[in-house]
PDB file of N, CA and C in Angstrom:
ATOM      1  N   UNK A   1      -1.869 -12.915  28.251  1.00  0.00           N
ATOM      2  CA  UNK A   1      -1.319 -12.927  26.537  1.00  0.00           C
ATOM      3  C   UNK A   1      -0.909 -11.980  25.968  1.00  0.00           C
ATOM      4  N   UNK A   2       0.581 -12.058  25.322  1.00  0.00           N
ATOM      5  CA  UNK A   2       1.476 -10.680  24.864  1.00  0.00           C
ATOM      6  C   UNK A   2       0.300 -10.160  23.464  1.00  0.00           C
ATOM      7  N   UNK A   3       0.342  -9.225  23.664  1.00  0.00           N
ATOM      8  CA  UNK A   3      -0.173  -8.009  22.154  1.00  0.00           C
ATOM      9  C   UNK A   3       0.568  -8.733  21.203  1.00  0.00           C
ATOM     10  N   UNK A   4       0.241  -8.704  20.110  1.00  0.00           N
ATOM     11  CA  UNK A   4       0.183  -9.200  18.850  1.00  0.00           C
ATOM     12  C   UNK A   4       1.179  -7.735  18.364  1.00  0.00           C
ATOM     13  N   UNK A   5       2.446  -8.145  17.528  1.00  0.00           N
ATOM     14  CA  UNK A   5       2.794  -7.063  17.012  1.00  0.00           C
ATOM     15  C   UNK A   5       2.250  -6.797  15.442  1.00  0.00           C
ATOM     16  N   UNK A   6       2.096  -5.484  14.974  1.00  0.00           N
ATOM     17  CA  UNK A   6       1.708  -5.343  13.369  1.00  0.00           C
ATOM     18  C   UNK A   6       3.224  -5.559  12.522  1.00  0.00           C
ATOM     19  N   UNK A   7       3.294  -5.719  11.350  1.00  0.00           N
ATOM     20  CA  UNK A   7       4.041  -6.085  10.707  1.00  0.00           C
ATOM     21  C   UNK A   7       4.528  -4.472  10.468  1.00  0.00           C
ATOM     22  N   UNK A   8       6.191  -4.341  10.390  1.00  0.00           N
ATOM     23  CA  UNK A   8       7.038  -3.062  10.411  1.00  0.00           C
ATOM     24  C   UNK A   8       6.583  -2.440   9.301  1.00  0.00           C
ATOM     25  N   UNK A   9       6.584  -3.232   7.987  1.00  0.00           N
ATOM     26  CA  UNK A   9       6.921  -2.583   6.612  1.00  0.00           C
ATOM     27  C   UNK A   9       5.561  -2.771   6.461  1.00  0.00           C
ATOM     28  N   UNK A  10       4.218  -3.424   6.536  1.00  0.00           N
ATOM     29  CA  UNK A  10       2.946  -3.117   6.173  1.00  0.00           C
ATOM     30  C   UNK A  10       2.686  -1.919   6.831  1.00  0.00           C
ATOM     31  N   UNK A  11       2.677  -1.330   8.321  1.00  0.00           N
ATOM     32  CA  UNK A  11       2.296  -0.031   8.844  1.00  0.00           C
ATOM     33  C   UNK A  11       3.092   1.375   8.402  1.00  0.00           C
ATOM     34  N   UNK A  12       4.186   1.074   7.403  1.00  0.00           N
ATOM     35  CA  UNK A  12       4.823   2.161   6.889  1.00  0.00           C
ATOM     36  C   UNK A  12       4.487   2.453   5.037  1.00  0.00           C
ATOM     37  N   UNK A  13       3.645   1.182   4.328  1.00  0.00           N
ATOM     38  CA  UNK A  13       3.056   0.818   3.125  1.00  0.00           C
ATOM     39  C   UNK A  13       2.034   1.080   2.765  1.00  0.00           C
ATOM     40  N   UNK A  14       0.857   0.919   4.003  1.00  0.00           N
ATOM     41  CA  UNK A  14      -0.452   1.183   3.835  1.00  0.00           C
ATOM     42  C   UNK A  14      -1.159   1.741   4.813  1.00  0.00           C
ATOM     43  N   UNK A  15      -2.597   2.706   4.371  1.00  0.00           N
ATOM     44  CA  UNK A  15      -2.787   3.767   5.381  1.00  0.00           C
ATOM     45  C   UNK A  15      -4.515   3.249   5.230  1.00  0.00           C
ATOM     46  N   UNK A  16      -5.145   3.322   6.382  1.00  0.00           N
ATOM     47  CA  UNK A  16      -7.011   2.940   6.393  1.00  0.00           C
ATOM     48  C   UNK A  16      -7.353   4.264   5.906  1.00  0.00           C
ATOM     49  N   UNK A  17      -7.963   4.449   5.358  1.00  0.00           N
ATOM     50  CA  UNK A  17      -9.361   5.209   4.415  1.00  0.00           C
ATOM     51  C   UNK A  17     -10.640   5.603   6.024  1.00  0.00           C
ATOM     52  N   UNK A  18     -11.227   6.271   5.787  1.00  0.00           N
ATOM     53  CA  UNK A  18     -12.135   6.671   7.040  1.00  0.00           C
ATOM     54  C   UNK A  18     -13.352   5.565   6.456  1.00  0.00           C
ATOM     55  N   UNK A  19     -13.306   5.107   5.594  1.00  0.00           N
ATOM     56  CA  UNK A  19     -14.339   3.668   5.373  1.00  0.00           C
ATOM     57  C   UNK A  19     -14.161   2.684   5.615  1.00  0.00           C
ATOM     58  N   UNK A  20     -12.827   2.574   6.049  1.00  0.00           N
ATOM     59  CA  UNK A  20     -12.143   1.043   6.399  1.00  0.00           C
ATOM     60  C   UNK A  20     -11.175   0.209   4.872  1.00  0.00           C
ATOM     61  N   UNK A  21     -11.745   1.186   4.021  1.00  0.00           N
ATOM     62  CA  UNK A  21     -10.311   0.669   2.729  1.00  0.00           C
ATOM     63  C   UNK A  21      -8.970   0.925   2.607  1.00  0.00           C
ATOM     64  N   UNK A  22      -8.303   0.709   2.283  1.00  0.00           N
ATOM     65  CA  UNK A  22      -6.930   0.164   2.171  1.00  0.00           C
ATOM     66  C   UNK A  22      -6.361   0.830   1.503  1.00  0.00           C
ATOM     67  N   UNK A  23      -5.436   2.221   1.714  1.00  0.00           N
ATOM     68  CA  UNK A  23      -4.329   2.768   0.342  1.00  0.00           C
ATOM     69  C   UNK A  23      -3.275   2.339   0.283  1.00  0.00           C
ATOM     70  N   UNK A  24      -2.557   2.518  -0.702  1.00  0.00           N
ATOM     71  CA  UNK A  24      -1.780   1.936  -0.841  1.00  0.00           C
ATOM     72  C   UNK A  24      -0.763   2.850  -2.016  1.00  0.00           C
ATOM     73  N   UNK A  25       0.659   2.555  -2.415  1.00  0.00           N
ATOM     74  CA  UNK A  25       1.051   4.048  -3.179  1.00  0.00           C
ATOM     75  C   UNK A  25       1.451   2.648  -4.545  1.00  0.00           C
ATOM     76  N   UNK A  26       1.341   2.790  -5.989  1.00  0.00           N
ATOM     77  CA  UNK A  26       2.030   2.448  -6.731  1.00  0.00           C
ATOM     78  C   UNK A  26       3.306   1.829  -6.488  1.00  0.00           C
ATOM     79  N   UNK A  27       3.580   1.007  -7.350  1.00  0.00           N
ATOM     80  CA  UNK A  27       5.017   0.893  -7.152  1.00  0.00           C
ATOM     81  C   UNK A  27       5.973   1.167  -8.815  1.00  0.00           C
ATOM     82  N   UNK A  28       7.363   1.069  -8.774  1.00  0.00           N
ATOM     83  CA  UNK A  28       8.310   1.855 -10.019  1.00  0.00           C
ATOM     84  C   UNK A  28       8.144   3.078  -9.818  1.00  0.00           C
ATOM     85  N   UNK A  29       8.073   3.748  -9.308  1.00  0.00           N
ATOM     86  CA  UNK A  29       8.043   4.973  -8.656  1.00  0.00           C
ATOM     87  C   UNK A  29       9.384   6.100  -8.502  1.00  0.00           C
ATOM     88  N   UNK A  30      10.318   4.914  -7.634  1.00  0.00           N
ATOM     89  CA  UNK A  30      11.076   5.265  -6.841  1.00  0.00           C
ATOM     90  C   UNK A  30      12.881   5.690  -7.795  1.00  0.00           C
ATOM     91  N   UNK A  31      13.051   4.591  -8.587  1.00  0.00           N
ATOM     92  CA  UNK A  31      14.920   5.099  -9.233  1.00  0.00           C
ATOM     93  C   UNK A  31      14.188   4.644 -10.619  1.00  0.00           C
ATOM     94  N   UNK A  32      15.093   4.833 -11.649  1.00  0.00           N
ATOM     95  CA  UNK A  32      15.817   4.284 -13.549  1.00  0.00           C
ATOM     96  C   UNK A  32      14.290   5.155 -13.731  1.00  0.00           C
ATOM     97  N   UNK A  33      14.119   6.474 -13.729  1.00  0.00           N
ATOM     98  CA  UNK A  33      12.939   7.108 -13.984  1.00  0.00           C
ATOM     99  C   UNK A  33      12.999   7.792 -15.327  1.00  0.00           C
ATOM    100  N   UNK A  34      14.471   7.513 -15.667  1.00  0.00           N
ATOM    101  CA  UNK A  34      14.901   8.282 -16.953  1.00  0.00           C
ATOM    102  C   UNK A  34      14.309   7.824 -18.596  1.00  0.00           C
ATOM    103  N   UNK A  35      13.963   6.028 -18.614  1.00  0.00           N
ATOM    104  CA  UNK A  35      13.416   5.897 -19.297  1.00  0.00           C
ATOM    105  C   UNK A  35      12.168   5.665 -19.558  1.00  0.00           C
ATOM    106  N   UNK A  36      11.136   6.254 -18.018  1.00  0.00           N
ATOM    107  CA  UNK A  36       9.732   6.228 -18.066  1.00  0.00           C
ATOM    108  C   UNK A  36       9.065   7.418 -18.590  1.00  0.00           C
ATOM    109  N   UNK A  37       8.260   6.979 -19.285  1.00  0.00           N
ATOM    110  CA  UNK A  37       7.386   8.502 -20.176  1.00  0.00           C
ATOM    111  C   UNK A  37       7.214   9.458 -19.032  1.00  0.00           C
ATOM    112  N   UNK A  38       6.658  10.733 -19.125  1.00  0.00           N
ATOM    113  CA  UNK A  38       5.952  11.394 -18.179  1.00  0.00           C
ATOM    114  C   UNK A  38       4.492  10.745 -18.195  1.00  0.00           C
ATOM    115  N   UNK A  39       3.944  10.489 -19.125  1.00  0.00           N
ATOM    116  CA  UNK A  39       2.502   9.716 -18.702  1.00  0.00           C
ATOM    117  C   UNK A  39       2.701   8.952 -17.408  1.00  0.00           C
ATOM    118  N   UNK A  40       3.309   8.111 -18.301  1.00  0.00           N
ATOM    119  CA  UNK A  40       3.363   6.361 -16.922  1.00  0.00           C
ATOM    120  C   UNK A  40       3.825   7.264 -15.893  1.00  0.00           C
ATOM    121  N   UNK A  41       4.928   8.167 -15.260  1.00  0.00           N
ATOM    122  CA  UNK A  41       5.452   8.794 -13.928  1.00  0.00           C
ATOM    123  C   UNK A  41       4.020   9.254 -12.784  1.00  0.00           C
ATOM    124  N   UNK A  42       3.698  10.132 -14.130  1.00  0.00           N
ATOM    125  CA  UNK A  42       2.268  10.550 -13.397  1.00  0.00           C
ATOM    126  C   UNK A  42       0.766  10.023 -13.057  1.00  0.00           C
ATOM    127  N   UNK A  43       0.975   8.713 -13.701  1.00  0.00           N
ATOM    128  CA  UNK A  43      -0.026   7.843 -13.314  1.00  0.00           C
ATOM    129  C   UNK A  43       0.611   6.891 -11.954  1.00  0.00           C
ATOM    130  N   UNK A  44       1.637   7.053 -11.960  1.00  0.00           N
ATOM    131  CA  UNK A  44       2.107   6.597 -10.858  1.00  0.00           C
ATOM    132  C   UNK A  44       2.413   7.194  -9.799  1.00  0.00           C
ATOM    133  N   UNK A  45       1.967   8.407  -9.793  1.00  0.00           N
ATOM    134  CA  UNK A  45       1.899   9.415  -8.778  1.00  0.00           C
ATOM    135  C   UNK A  45       1.273   8.632  -7.790  1.00  0.00           C
ATOM    136  N   UNK A  46      -0.443   8.613  -8.543  1.00  0.00           N
ATOM    137  CA  UNK A  46      -1.564   8.884  -7.194  1.00  0.00           C
ATOM    138  C   UNK A  46      -1.498   7.644  -6.932  1.00  0.00           C
ATOM    139  N   UNK A  47      -2.105   7.804  -5.108  1.00  0.00           N
ATOM    140  CA  UNK A  47      -2.818   6.604  -4.424  1.00  0.00           C
ATOM    141  C   UNK A  47      -3.677   5.748  -5.123  1.00  0.00           C
ATOM    142  N   UNK A  48      -4.120   4.549  -4.408  1.00  0.00           N
ATOM    143  CA  UNK A  48      -5.170   3.323  -5.020  1.00  0.00           C
ATOM    144  C   UNK A  48      -5.475   2.566  -4.072  1.00  0.00           C
ATOM    145  N   UNK A  49      -6.342   1.575  -3.817  1.00  0.00           N
ATOM    146  CA  UNK A  49      -6.719   0.849  -3.017  1.00  0.00           C
ATOM    147  C   UNK A  49      -6.602  -0.419  -3.367  1.00  0.00           C
ATOM    148  N   UNK A  50      -5.903  -1.155  -2.363  1.00  0.00           N
ATOM    149  CA  UNK A  50      -5.694  -2.577  -2.162  1.00  0.00           C
ATOM    150  C   UNK A  50      -6.843  -3.225  -2.839  1.00  0.00           C
ATOM    151  N   UNK A  51      -6.521  -4.230  -3.902  1.00  0.00           N
ATOM    152  CA  UNK A  51      -7.254  -5.143  -4.299  1.00  0.00           C
ATOM    153  C   UNK A  51      -7.968  -5.992  -3.829  1.00  0.00           C
ATOM    154  N   UNK A  52      -9.207  -6.486  -3.881  1.00  0.00           N
ATOM    155  CA  UNK A  52      -9.922  -7.655  -3.001  1.00  0.00           C
ATOM    156  C   UNK A  52      -9.432  -8.723  -2.729  1.00  0.00           C
ATOM    157  N   UNK A  53      -8.815  -9.295  -3.848  1.00  0.00           N
ATOM    158  CA  UNK A  53      -7.909 -10.513  -3.397  1.00  0.00           C
ATOM    159  C   UNK A  53      -6.508 -10.635  -2.788  1.00  0.00           C
ATOM    160  N   UNK A  54      -5.924  -9.231  -2.573  1.00  0.00           N
ATOM    161  CA  UNK A  54      -4.593  -8.897  -1.403  1.00  0.00           C
ATOM    162  C   UNK A  54      -5.248  -8.500  -0.258  1.00  0.00           C
ATOM    163  N   UNK A  55      -6.445  -7.959   0.065  1.00  0.00           N
ATOM    164  CA  UNK A  55      -7.370  -7.464   1.225  1.00  0.00           C
ATOM    165  C   UNK A  55      -6.771  -7.850   2.292  1.00  0.00           C
ATOM    166  N   UNK A  56      -7.628  -9.350   2.537  1.00  0.00           N
ATOM    167  CA  UNK A  56      -7.597 -10.161   3.511  1.00  0.00           C
ATOM    168  C   UNK A  56      -6.021 -10.337   4.085  1.00  0.00           C
ATOM    169  N   UNK A  57      -4.857 -10.278   3.275  1.00  0.00           N
ATOM    170  CA  UNK A  57      -3.488 -10.591   3.622  1.00  0.00           C
ATOM    171  C   UNK A  57      -3.041  -9.247   4.189  1.00  0.00           C
ATOM    172  N   UNK A  58      -3.358  -8.270   4.214  1.00  0.00           N
ATOM    173  CA  UNK A  58      -2.617  -6.713   4.242  1.00  0.00           C
ATOM    174  C   UNK A  58      -3.338  -6.499   5.826  1.00  0.00           C
ATOM    175  N   UNK A  59      -4.454  -7.074   6.180  1.00  0.00           N
ATOM    176  CA  UNK A  59      -5.223  -6.616   6.970  1.00  0.00           C
ATOM    177  C   UNK A  59      -4.505  -7.882   8.114  1.00  0.00           C
ATOM    178  N   UNK A  60      -4.504  -8.672   7.764  1.00  0.00           N
ATOM    179  CA  UNK A  60      -3.100  -9.812   8.751  1.00  0.00           C
ATOM    180  C   UNK A  60      -2.340  -9.502   9.317  1.00  0.00           C
ATOM    181  N   UNK A  61      -1.642  -8.676   8.322  1.00  0.00           N
ATOM    182  CA  UNK A  61      -0.477  -7.572   8.384  1.00  0.00           C
ATOM    183  C   UNK A  61      -0.313  -6.694   8.964  1.00  0.00           C
ATOM    184  N   UNK A  62      -1.703  -5.876   9.058  1.00  0.00           N
ATOM    185  CA  UNK A  62      -1.654  -4.630  10.186  1.00  0.00           C
ATOM    186  C   UNK A  62      -2.571  -4.900  11.372  1.00  0.00           C
ATOM    187  N   UNK A  63      -2.897  -6.188  11.160  1.00  0.00           N
ATOM    188  CA  UNK A  63      -3.429  -7.019  12.751  1.00  0.00           C
ATOM    189  C   UNK A  63      -4.884  -6.377  12.875  1.00  0.00           C
ATOM    190  N   UNK A  64      -5.693  -5.802  11.810  1.00  0.00           N
ATOM    191  CA  UNK A  64      -7.124  -5.575  11.580  1.00  0.00           C
ATOM    192  C   UNK A  64      -8.255  -6.529  12.052  1.00  0.00           C
ATOM    193  N   UNK A  65      -7.058  -7.957  11.603  1.00  0.00           N
ATOM    194  CA  UNK A  65      -8.645  -9.169  11.827  1.00  0.00           C
ATOM    195  C   UNK A  65      -8.235  -9.809  12.911  1.00  0.00           C
TER     196      UNK A  65
END
């Protein structure tokens, strides 16, 4: 039986933590930054964890399940 491929877009966007949680970056930080406040841009810089509602879908894309 052939191996199942990992989704290429997902493997570039998500990383696993040591405890098995999934890290992601915030959206809206790539372009049109002049109209966004310094505070907003600073808050979008940090990484966060994938929400519980989306965790199963991301795990399927990364073939962790």
